[in-house]
Structures are given as C-alpha cells and as structure tokens.
C-alpha cells in the first residue's frame, strides 16, 4: 500500500511537471494551429494568427463596442488601439497620457456682443483669422492691440441683432454664418450661412451677396460647411437638412433625418450640382491636399466619409473614420492630416436614441424645449474635444479639456503658424493654443 502511494505520488509529480513544461512551451512558442475535438469526435483545426502591434507591447485587455466592432485594446505606451478587420491592421483610437489634455496653456480670446465662433479662415495674405458669429457678423482678428474688428454681415436686416449674446430667436433674420473659406485667387470670402445660403463678400467686407439659395429646385435650409478647390475655384458645401433649419438642429439628430446633401458650385459656369444626397446631418468638409477627394463629417452617424472627386474611384463614397463623438467641422493641418472638432461624445443615451428612432420622434412631440435642455446638459458634460486624423483616418493627436472647465461643444480647430485656433458654438471666446 505504501509502495502504491509512492508510485501514485511520483506519477502525479511527473504529470504535473510535464503539464507545466507543456503550458510554458505553448506560452513561449504558440502553435500556428489550434486543434479542438468536437462532440462528434472530429478534430476541428483553427488557425492561430499574430496581430502585430507597432511601437508598443502588452495588450492587457480587450473590448468590443455596441456595434460589435473591435476589439479595442490598451497597450503599453498609453494608447487604446482598435482592430480594423477590413483593413487587417490596428489603428489608434485614443490616448491616455496627460500630454493630450486640452488645457495645455489655452488662451481665451474674448468676443464682445456675441458668441459661437463656429469657423475660422485666413485670407491670402495670411491675415486673420476671420470668425463667424451668432449675431450674423464675420469678424477679423487684428492682433492683441486692436483685437477683433467687424468685417462683414450675412444679412441686411440688423435690427435686433445686437444685445444679448443668445441670438437663436433672431438668427433666421440676422443670419447665422457657419463655414468660412477664402478664394485665394480673387481674395473673396465665401460663407456658408445656415439661413441665407452660400454667400460671398469681397476684400473690403460689408454686406455679403447671395450666390446659391437652391439646389435642384430644393431650397437650402441648413447651409453648413464649405471648402474651396483653389486650383479650379470649385466650391463644395453641405446642406445639413432639407427639412429642418439650424435652430431645430436637434430635430435633425433625433428624427434620424436623412435629407442632407453635399453640393458643388462652379463659379465659372454658375452651375450647382448635388453630389451626394440622403445624408444624415452632413456638416464640415475638407478637400485633400491634392484635391483627389473631399472629407465630409456626418454628424448623426459619428463618422467621416470620403467622397472621391478624381482617380478611378471618382463619384464613389466610403467611410474614412468612425468616431466616438459627434463631428462638426474639418480643417486640413499643415503638419499633415485633418483636425476634426467634436461637439460632444456619443454616450449610451445617444446609442439608444439612434437604435430606436421612434424614441427621438416621440421626444420631439413633447411640449419641451429639447434644444435648451441639451444646451444645459452640455455645460455639465463639458469635455471639449478635437482629434487630428491621419491621411488614412487614424487618430494622430487628441486635444481635450478633460474636466470641461474651459471648452465645450468644439466646432472647429484651425492650425496656422504654430497655433491652434479653437471654435465653439457655445462660448463667448475663441481658444488659442501655441503648439
């Protein structure tokens, strides 16, 4: 009996040691094929694949998002990366380091009498920026001594446009300029005004002239972002909705409205052409450096689309980047890539509303001021955010006000001469940060 016990103990030790060696070997030298015996006794062979990470190690944990995309993994250099199956590669998703925090010595440049510097533009001489405001004005930055000066207005009707900074009730009268871009050849400033359509003003400023108010017989109800092909003069701009105006922008989101359009205007032959329709809240646009494609922010879908203008892909559209927030304007960075302003993060409530559009439509029928409620909540959510995307749609840089004490509802980031100019539809100042 004692001999049997010793033999049993010895056999057990040998078995455990062999198992430990096998496990260690499998950990250090994983097999290329995993074999699994099914309930029927057949061997199922499954390929093992190493998904190489560049520049870091240690994917400690994984997660998939609510749409089953991913996995997402945290790695040793502070990044969270996402696996893109259709591209068979990891892309940067976010950064955890304090280097990305948006309070990085941000300077506030106050604006008197209005708020909401939605977009910025510099003229052909590099002067500016020019900024679009809530009261229908375009203002110009003249440096620290002179500050902001009036440059242009979007509407001739200026009665009641001054006063309190909240101009939501009068913006359909006073105008609400959003996207801005200069034609560098002629020096004219083009303006996408939410109510007045596509406008143009000369180098001396003053009252802007209406250029486009309809496309294919349908009025522009929510003109939003624009960019100009400086080689041809062609202007690309968005009409965010054919059903709702800007002051009802939450209705566009909550209803799941898909009446938005991407439009092209040719100033040579005066032709207006709809390039894309049935879009969900198309917003900012930005041409690639070579003019081969244009990027388009689709706010409700939290994604950036790429519409090909040239090459063999001309006329086709594809998803360029999927974001975890609602994108606003897009601007090319002189360091490469594109800055995207993020109005707010996409939260669980948003996921619910977009999964069940009837909930949003029900909310719109209630006797509530949804816009005011959302505006109030956004003050507490804070977290002003912008990202710089690479030419492939990867996240290169994150600018974020983590505690939300200074920035909110970021509409645009424009990079010029080593500075970032940061716009917001909700703040009475422009942000400025030296890189």
Protein backbone atom coordinates (compact mmCIF):
# COMPACT_ATOMS: atom_id res chain seq x y z
CA UNK A 1 0.00 0.00 0.00
CA UNK A 2 2.86 2.33 0.89
CA UNK A 3 4.64 1.43 -2.36
CA UNK A 4 1.47 2.14 -4.34
CA UNK A 5 1.12 5.53 -2.65
CA UNK A 6 4.71 6.42 -3.53
CA UNK A 7 4.22 5.33 -7.13
CA UNK A 8 0.99 7.34 -7.33
CA UNK A 9 2.69 10.41 -5.85
CA UNK A 10 5.64 10.06 -8.24
CA UNK A 11 3.34 9.67 -11.22
CA UNK A 12 1.35 12.73 -10.12
CA UNK A 13 4.52 14.87 -9.81
CA UNK A 14 5.72 13.73 -13.24
CA UNK A 15 2.32 14.51 -14.77
CA UNK A 16 2.19 17.98 -13.19
CA UNK A 17 5.76 18.73 -14.26
CA UNK A 18 5.03 17.61 -17.81
CA UNK A 19 1.89 19.75 -17.89
CA UNK A 20 3.81 22.77 -16.60
CA UNK A 21 6.50 22.30 -19.25
CA UNK A 22 3.86 21.91 -21.94
CA UNK A 23 2.00 25.04 -20.80
CA UNK A 24 5.23 27.06 -20.64
CA UNK A 25 6.26 25.87 -24.08
CA UNK A 26 2.86 26.71 -25.52
CA UNK A 27 3.02 30.18 -23.95
CA UNK A 28 6.53 30.89 -25.26
CA UNK A 29 6.12 29.12 -28.59
CA UNK A 30 2.43 29.20 -29.51
CA UNK A 31 1.35 26.79 -32.23
CA UNK A 32 0.22 28.02 -35.60
CA UNK A 33 -2.77 25.69 -35.43
CA UNK A 34 -5.13 25.02 -32.54
CA UNK A 35 -6.87 21.64 -32.52
CA UNK A 36 -10.21 21.13 -30.82
CA UNK A 37 -12.13 17.87 -30.60
CA UNK A 38 -15.83 18.34 -31.27
CA UNK A 39 -18.67 16.45 -29.60
CA UNK A 40 -18.72 14.06 -32.56
CA UNK A 41 -15.10 13.18 -32.09
CA UNK A 42 -13.83 15.06 -35.13
CA UNK A 43 -10.82 17.34 -34.88
CA UNK A 44 -11.52 20.97 -35.77
CA UNK A 45 -8.42 22.85 -36.89
CA UNK A 46 -8.36 26.59 -36.21
CA UNK A 47 -5.64 28.88 -37.49
CA UNK A 48 -3.69 30.90 -34.91
CA UNK A 49 -2.65 34.37 -36.05
CA UNK A 50 -0.34 37.00 -34.55
CA UNK A 51 -1.77 40.51 -35.00
CA UNK A 52 1.37 42.60 -34.82
CA UNK A 53 1.37 45.84 -32.76
CA UNK A 54 3.75 48.61 -33.80
CA UNK A 55 5.69 50.64 -31.27
CA UNK A 56 4.31 49.05 -28.10
CA UNK A 57 3.55 45.80 -26.30
CA UNK A 58 1.14 44.34 -23.80
CA UNK A 59 -2.50 44.28 -24.93
CA UNK A 60 -3.75 43.62 -21.41
CA UNK A 61 -7.48 43.55 -22.10
CA UNK A 62 -9.96 43.67 -24.96
CA UNK A 63 -13.42 45.10 -25.53
CA UNK A 64 -15.92 45.31 -28.38
CA UNK A 65 -18.24 48.28 -28.85
CA UNK A 66 -22.05 48.15 -29.02
CA UNK A 67 -21.89 47.51 -32.78
CA UNK A 68 -19.56 44.52 -32.23
CA UNK A 69 -16.63 46.39 -33.77
CA UNK A 70 -13.13 45.87 -32.48
CA UNK A 71 -11.59 44.57 -30.42
CA UNK A 72 -10.18 47.62 -28.66
CA UNK A 73 -7.02 47.07 -26.60
CA UNK A 74 -4.98 49.15 -24.14
CA UNK A 75 -1.24 48.94 -24.79
CA UNK A 76 1.98 49.87 -23.01
CA UNK A 77 2.53 53.38 -24.45
CA UNK A 78 -0.81 54.76 -23.24
CA UNK A 79 -2.72 54.24 -26.45
CA UNK A 80 -6.00 52.43 -26.95
CA UNK A 81 -5.95 50.78 -30.36
CA UNK A 82 -8.77 49.32 -32.43
CA UNK A 83 -8.58 46.37 -34.80
CA UNK A 84 -9.98 47.17 -38.24
CA UNK A 85 -10.80 43.80 -39.75
CA UNK A 86 -11.45 45.03 -43.29
CA UNK A 87 -8.01 46.71 -43.33
CA UNK A 88 -6.33 43.95 -41.32
CA UNK A 89 -4.48 46.38 -39.05
CA UNK A 90 -4.60 48.19 -35.72
CA UNK A 91 -5.44 51.91 -35.73
CA UNK A 92 -5.04 54.49 -32.97
CA UNK A 93 -8.30 55.12 -31.13
CA UNK A 94 -7.39 57.30 -28.14
CA UNK A 95 -4.57 58.32 -25.85
CA UNK A 96 -4.44 58.07 -22.06
CA UNK A 97 -1.46 60.33 -21.45
CA UNK A 98 -1.74 63.78 -19.92
CA UNK A 99 0.03 65.17 -22.98
CA UNK A 100 -3.33 65.05 -24.76
CA UNK A 101 -5.18 67.12 -22.19
CA UNK A 102 -6.74 70.20 -23.78
CA UNK A 103 -6.00 72.67 -21.00
CA UNK A 104 -2.46 72.90 -22.41
CA UNK A 105 -1.97 76.62 -21.76
CA UNK A 106 -5.08 77.52 -23.73
CA UNK A 107 -5.61 81.25 -24.10
CA UNK A 108 -9.10 82.70 -24.33
CA UNK A 109 -9.61 85.47 -26.90
CA UNK A 110 -12.89 87.20 -25.81
CA UNK A 111 -15.60 88.25 -28.28
CA UNK A 112 -17.86 91.18 -27.41
CA UNK A 113 -21.61 91.19 -28.06
CA UNK A 114 -21.93 87.67 -29.44
CA UNK A 115 -20.70 84.12 -29.03
CA UNK A 116 -20.12 80.99 -31.02
CA UNK A 117 -17.07 81.45 -33.28
CA UNK A 118 -18.11 78.46 -35.42
CA UNK A 119 -15.39 78.60 -38.06
CA UNK A 120 -12.14 80.40 -38.93
CA UNK A 121 -10.39 81.45 -42.14
CA UNK A 122 -7.20 83.30 -43.06
CA UNK A 123 -7.00 85.47 -46.17
CA UNK A 124 -4.47 85.06 -48.99
CA UNK A 125 -2.04 87.37 -47.16
CA UNK A 126 -2.20 85.20 -44.05
CA UNK A 127 -4.12 87.80 -42.07
CA UNK A 128 -6.80 86.88 -39.58
CA UNK A 129 -8.33 84.71 -38.51
CA UNK A 130 -11.81 85.76 -39.58
CA UNK A 131 -14.57 84.18 -37.47
CA UNK A 132 -18.31 83.59 -37.93
CA UNK A 133 -20.57 84.62 -35.02
CA UNK A 134 -24.05 84.00 -33.64
CA UNK A 135 -25.33 87.52 -34.45
CA UNK A 136 -24.67 87.26 -38.18
CA UNK A 137 -21.31 89.04 -38.22
CA UNK A 138 -17.94 87.99 -39.61
CA UNK A 139 -15.14 89.49 -37.52
CA UNK A 140 -11.40 89.78 -38.14
CA UNK A 141 -8.58 89.38 -35.64
CA UNK A 142 -6.21 92.39 -35.85
CA UNK A 143 -3.73 91.32 -33.20
CA UNK A 144 -3.55 91.84 -29.46
CA UNK A 145 -3.63 95.67 -29.66
CA UNK A 146 -6.69 96.11 -31.91
CA UNK A 147 -8.43 92.85 -31.13
CA UNK A 148 -11.48 91.85 -33.17
CA UNK A 149 -12.98 94.25 -35.73
CA UNK A 150 -16.18 93.92 -37.79
CA UNK A 151 -15.59 92.74 -41.37
CA UNK A 152 -18.90 91.60 -42.89
CA UNK A 153 -22.54 90.77 -42.19
CA UNK A 154 -24.67 87.98 -43.63
CA UNK A 155 -27.98 89.87 -43.72
CA UNK A 156 -29.06 93.48 -44.38
CA UNK A 157 -31.59 93.16 -41.55
CA UNK A 158 -29.61 94.20 -38.48
CA UNK A 159 -32.47 95.41 -36.25
CA UNK A 160 -32.43 93.42 -33.03
CA UNK A 161 -29.27 91.56 -33.95
CA UNK A 162 -27.20 93.14 -31.19
CA UNK A 163 -27.83 92.92 -27.48
CA UNK A 164 -27.78 89.67 -25.50
CA UNK A 165 -25.42 87.02 -26.86
CA UNK A 166 -28.18 84.41 -27.28
CA UNK A 167 -29.37 85.05 -30.84
CA UNK A 168 -31.15 81.78 -31.51
CA UNK A 169 -34.53 83.51 -31.85
CA UNK A 170 -33.24 86.07 -34.36
CA UNK A 171 -30.65 84.17 -36.37
CA UNK A 172 -33.11 83.45 -39.21
CA UNK A 173 -33.35 87.24 -39.63
CA UNK A 174 -29.78 88.29 -38.84
CA UNK A 175 -28.19 85.26 -40.45
CA UNK A 176 -26.01 82.62 -38.84
CA UNK A 177 -22.72 82.28 -40.75
CA UNK A 178 -21.08 78.90 -40.19
CA UNK A 179 -18.35 77.64 -42.56
CA UNK A 180 -15.79 80.11 -43.97
CA UNK A 181 -13.19 79.84 -46.73
CA UNK A 182 -11.25 82.32 -48.87
CA UNK A 183 -10.85 82.08 -52.63
CA UNK A 184 -7.10 82.71 -52.71
CA UNK A 185 -7.11 83.71 -56.39
CA UNK A 186 -9.60 86.56 -56.16
CA UNK A 187 -9.48 87.27 -52.42
CA UNK A 188 -13.22 86.80 -51.87
CA UNK A 189 -14.53 85.22 -48.70
CA UNK A 190 -17.22 82.56 -49.16
CA UNK A 191 -19.64 81.98 -46.32
CA UNK A 192 -21.99 79.09 -45.64
CA UNK A 193 -24.85 80.78 -43.80
CA UNK A 194 -27.38 78.45 -42.21
CA UNK A 195 -30.34 80.57 -43.41
CA UNK A 196 -29.08 82.74 -46.26
CA UNK A 197 -27.34 80.01 -48.27
CA UNK A 198 -23.92 80.28 -49.92
CA UNK A 199 -22.66 83.88 -49.71
CA UNK A 200 -19.68 85.84 -50.96
CA UNK A 201 -18.06 89.06 -49.77
CA UNK A 202 -15.17 90.98 -51.33
CA UNK A 203 -11.86 92.02 -49.84
CA UNK A 204 -13.37 95.20 -48.37
CA UNK A 205 -16.04 93.34 -46.42
CA UNK A 206 -19.53 94.72 -45.85
CA UNK A 207 -22.81 93.02 -46.79
CA UNK A 208 -22.35 89.56 -48.26
CA UNK A 209 -24.03 88.66 -51.56
CA UNK A 210 -26.19 85.58 -52.01
CA UNK A 211 -24.68 83.17 -54.53
CA UNK A 212 -26.66 79.94 -54.10
CA UNK A 213 -30.03 79.53 -52.37
CA UNK A 214 -31.38 76.38 -54.10
CA UNK A 215 -30.01 73.10 -55.44
CA UNK A 216 -32.03 71.01 -57.91
CA UNK A 217 -35.06 73.17 -57.12
CA UNK A 218 -34.91 72.48 -53.38
CA UNK A 219 -34.14 75.45 -51.06
CA UNK A 220 -31.05 75.37 -48.89
CA UNK A 221 -32.50 75.14 -45.38
CA UNK A 222 -29.35 74.49 -43.34
CA UNK A 223 -26.19 75.51 -45.22
CA UNK A 224 -23.27 74.48 -43.05
CA UNK A 225 -19.65 73.67 -44.02
CA UNK A 226 -17.59 74.52 -47.09
CA UNK A 227 -14.19 74.26 -48.72
CA UNK A 228 -12.73 75.54 -51.99
CA UNK A 229 -10.60 73.81 -54.60
CA UNK A 230 -8.05 76.57 -55.06
CA UNK A 231 -6.89 75.19 -58.41
CA UNK A 232 -10.31 75.24 -60.10
CA UNK A 233 -12.28 77.61 -57.87
CA UNK A 234 -14.99 74.96 -57.32
CA UNK A 235 -16.82 75.29 -54.01
CA UNK A 236 -18.01 72.26 -52.07
CA UNK A 237 -20.56 72.80 -49.31
CA UNK A 238 -23.19 70.99 -47.27
CA UNK A 239 -26.90 71.47 -46.71
CA UNK A 240 -27.40 69.63 -43.42
CA UNK A 241 -31.13 69.10 -43.87
CA UNK A 242 -33.83 69.82 -46.41
CA UNK A 243 -36.45 69.54 -43.65
CA UNK A 244 -35.13 71.41 -40.61
CA UNK A 245 -33.35 74.71 -40.01
CA UNK A 246 -30.36 75.24 -37.77
CA UNK A 247 -32.34 76.41 -34.73
CA UNK A 248 -34.03 72.98 -34.86
CA UNK A 249 -30.75 71.11 -35.28
CA UNK A 250 -31.62 68.57 -32.57
CA UNK A 251 -34.63 67.58 -34.62
CA UNK A 252 -32.24 66.58 -37.39
CA UNK A 253 -30.47 64.25 -34.98
CA UNK A 254 -33.41 62.88 -33.00
CA UNK A 255 -35.63 62.24 -36.02
CA UNK A 256 -32.90 60.41 -37.90
CA UNK A 257 -33.36 62.86 -40.77
CA UNK A 258 -31.59 61.76 -43.96
CA UNK A 259 -32.26 64.69 -46.24
CA UNK A 260 -28.77 66.23 -46.09
CA UNK A 261 -26.72 66.94 -49.22
CA UNK A 262 -23.18 67.55 -50.43
CA UNK A 263 -23.24 70.21 -53.17
CA UNK A 264 -20.75 71.62 -55.67
CA UNK A 265 -20.87 75.16 -57.07
CA UNK A 266 -18.78 76.13 -60.10
CA UNK A 267 -18.27 79.94 -60.10
CA UNK A 268 -17.15 79.86 -63.77
CA UNK A 269 -20.36 78.49 -65.29
CA UNK A 270 -22.56 79.17 -62.23
CA UNK A 271 -23.70 75.55 -62.17
CA UNK A 272 -24.95 73.92 -58.95
CA UNK A 273 -24.72 70.16 -58.68
CA UNK A 274 -25.78 67.78 -55.89
CA UNK A 275 -23.01 65.21 -55.44
CA UNK A 276 -24.48 63.21 -52.55
CA UNK A 277 -27.94 63.10 -51.01
CA UNK A 278 -29.75 61.14 -48.28
CA UNK A 279 -27.03 62.07 -45.78
CA UNK A 280 -27.56 62.14 -42.01
CA UNK A 281 -26.61 65.64 -40.87
CA UNK A 282 -23.68 66.37 -43.23
CA UNK A 283 -21.53 69.03 -41.62
CA UNK A 284 -17.93 70.14 -42.19
CA UNK A 285 -15.98 69.40 -45.38
CA UNK A 286 -12.28 69.45 -46.28
CA UNK A 287 -10.53 68.78 -49.58
CA UNK A 288 -7.42 66.62 -49.63
CA UNK A 289 -4.16 68.37 -50.39
CA UNK A 290 -4.05 67.01 -53.94
CA UNK A 291 -7.78 67.56 -54.50
CA UNK A 292 -8.45 63.89 -55.21
CA UNK A 293 -11.17 63.58 -52.58
CA UNK A 294 -13.21 65.51 -50.09
CA UNK A 295 -13.86 64.53 -46.47
CA UNK A 296 -17.35 65.02 -45.09
CA UNK A 297 -18.43 64.90 -41.44
CA UNK A 298 -21.72 63.07 -40.98
CA UNK A 299 -22.66 64.25 -37.50
CA UNK A 300 -25.52 61.92 -36.58
CA UNK A 301 -23.57 58.84 -37.70
CA UNK A 302 -20.42 59.96 -35.85
CA UNK A 303 -18.29 59.27 -38.89
CA UNK A 304 -16.20 60.91 -41.58
CA UNK A 305 -16.98 59.98 -45.19
CA UNK A 306 -14.56 60.23 -48.11
CA UNK A 307 -16.05 61.23 -51.47
CA UNK A 308 -13.70 60.71 -54.41
CA UNK A 309 -13.54 63.56 -56.92
CA UNK A 310 -10.72 62.25 -59.10
CA UNK A 311 -8.91 58.97 -59.85
CA UNK A 312 -10.66 55.78 -60.92
CA UNK A 313 -12.79 55.99 -57.75
CA UNK A 314 -14.39 59.30 -58.78
CA UNK A 315 -18.03 59.52 -57.71
CA UNK A 316 -17.75 56.83 -55.02
CA UNK A 317 -18.02 57.29 -51.27
CA UNK A 318 -16.56 55.30 -48.38
CA UNK A 319 -16.19 55.52 -44.61
CA UNK A 320 -12.91 57.28 -43.75
CA UNK A 321 -13.14 57.20 -39.93
CA UNK A 322 -15.63 56.18 -37.26
CA UNK A 323 -15.53 58.41 -34.18
CA UNK A 324 -16.79 58.16 -30.60
CA UNK A 325 -18.32 61.61 -30.76
CA UNK A 326 -20.36 63.93 -32.98
CA UNK A 327 -18.05 65.58 -35.54
CA UNK A 328 -18.50 69.18 -36.66
CA UNK A 329 -16.01 70.97 -38.92
CA UNK A 330 -12.91 69.55 -40.61
CA UNK A 331 -9.76 71.51 -41.47
CA UNK A 332 -6.51 70.35 -43.06
CA UNK A 333 -3.46 70.56 -40.81
CA UNK A 334 -0.22 71.98 -42.28
CA UNK A 335 1.57 69.16 -40.43
CA UNK A 336 -0.49 66.61 -42.33
CA UNK A 337 -3.88 65.08 -41.72
CA UNK A 338 -7.10 66.76 -40.65
CA UNK A 339 -8.40 68.40 -37.50
CA UNK A 340 -11.97 67.42 -36.58
CA UNK A 341 -13.94 69.36 -33.97
CA UNK A 342 -16.11 67.09 -31.78
CA UNK A 343 -19.29 68.70 -30.47
CA UNK A 344 -19.81 66.06 -27.77
CA UNK A 345 -19.13 62.42 -27.05
CA UNK A 346 -21.53 59.71 -28.13
CA UNK A 347 -23.00 58.31 -24.92
CA UNK A 348 -25.28 55.39 -24.05
CA UNK A 349 -28.38 57.58 -24.32
CA UNK A 350 -27.34 58.54 -27.84
CA UNK A 351 -26.89 54.88 -28.76
CA UNK A 352 -30.41 54.17 -27.52
CA UNK A 353 -31.95 57.05 -29.47
CA UNK A 354 -30.20 56.08 -32.71
CA UNK A 355 -31.09 52.41 -32.32
CA UNK A 356 -34.77 53.29 -31.85
CA UNK A 357 -35.62 56.43 -33.88
CA UNK A 358 -39.23 56.34 -32.68
CA UNK A 359 -37.99 57.44 -29.24
CA UNK A 360 -36.45 60.59 -30.73
CA UNK A 361 -39.58 61.34 -32.73
CA UNK A 362 -41.66 60.91 -29.57
CA UNK A 363 -39.44 63.38 -27.68
CA UNK A 364 -39.90 65.94 -30.44
CA UNK A 365 -43.68 65.79 -29.99
CA UNK A 366 -43.50 66.54 -26.27
CA UNK A 367 -44.03 70.16 -25.05
CA UNK A 368 -40.34 70.53 -24.18
CA UNK A 369 -37.58 72.81 -25.41
CA UNK A 370 -35.19 70.00 -26.32
CA UNK A 371 -32.53 72.41 -27.57
CA UNK A 372 -32.43 74.30 -24.26
CA UNK A 373 -32.30 71.05 -22.26
CA UNK A 374 -29.43 69.77 -24.37
CA UNK A 375 -27.59 73.08 -24.03
CA UNK A 376 -27.93 72.97 -20.23
CA UNK A 377 -26.74 69.37 -20.00
CA UNK A 378 -23.74 70.05 -22.21
CA UNK A 379 -22.43 72.57 -19.66
CA UNK A 380 -22.18 69.81 -17.10
CA UNK A 381 -20.82 67.18 -19.50
CA UNK A 382 -18.05 69.53 -20.62
CA UNK A 383 -15.04 67.83 -22.19
CA UNK A 384 -14.21 69.96 -25.22
CA UNK A 385 -12.60 67.61 -27.71
CA UNK A 386 -10.90 67.57 -31.10
CA UNK A 387 -8.83 64.96 -32.92
CA UNK A 388 -6.27 65.11 -35.70
CA UNK A 389 -6.71 62.28 -38.18
CA UNK A 390 -4.03 60.91 -40.49
CA UNK A 391 -4.41 60.58 -44.25
CA UNK A 392 -5.67 57.06 -43.52
CA UNK A 393 -8.20 58.08 -40.88
CA UNK A 394 -6.11 57.06 -37.84
CA UNK A 395 -6.06 59.29 -34.75
CA UNK A 396 -2.71 61.11 -34.59
CA UNK A 397 -3.45 63.61 -31.85
CA UNK A 398 -6.14 64.40 -29.31
CA UNK A 399 -6.86 67.87 -27.93
CA UNK A 400 -9.16 67.65 -24.92
CA UNK A 401 -10.29 69.73 -21.99
CA UNK A 402 -10.65 66.73 -19.68
CA UNK A 403 -12.56 68.40 -16.84
CA UNK A 404 -14.65 70.55 -19.18
CA UNK A 405 -13.92 73.73 -17.26
CA UNK A 406 -12.93 75.84 -20.29
CA UNK A 407 -14.06 74.25 -23.53
CA UNK A 408 -17.35 72.74 -24.67
CA UNK A 409 -19.05 71.93 -27.95
CA UNK A 410 -15.89 72.32 -30.03
CA UNK A 411 -16.88 73.17 -33.60
CA UNK A 412 -13.51 73.59 -35.26
CA UNK A 413 -9.75 73.55 -34.84
CA UNK A 414 -7.71 75.51 -37.37
CA UNK A 415 -3.93 75.26 -37.32
CA UNK A 416 -1.89 78.22 -38.55
CA UNK A 417 1.70 79.36 -37.90
CA UNK A 418 2.22 77.03 -34.95
CA UNK A 419 -1.08 77.90 -33.26
CA UNK A 420 -4.40 76.16 -32.90
CA UNK A 421 -7.49 78.36 -33.15
CA UNK A 422 -10.39 76.59 -31.45
CA UNK A 423 -14.02 77.44 -32.14
CA UNK A 424 -17.19 76.58 -30.26
CA UNK A 425 -20.86 77.26 -30.95
CA UNK A 426 -21.46 77.77 -27.23
CA UNK A 427 -18.66 80.02 -25.94
CA UNK A 428 -18.07 83.82 -25.97
CA UNK A 429 -14.41 83.47 -26.94
CA UNK A 430 -12.06 81.81 -29.39
CA UNK A 431 -9.48 79.47 -27.97
CA UNK A 432 -5.83 79.87 -28.96
CA UNK A 433 -3.03 77.48 -28.17
CA UNK A 434 0.62 77.52 -29.23
CA UNK A 435 1.79 74.08 -30.34
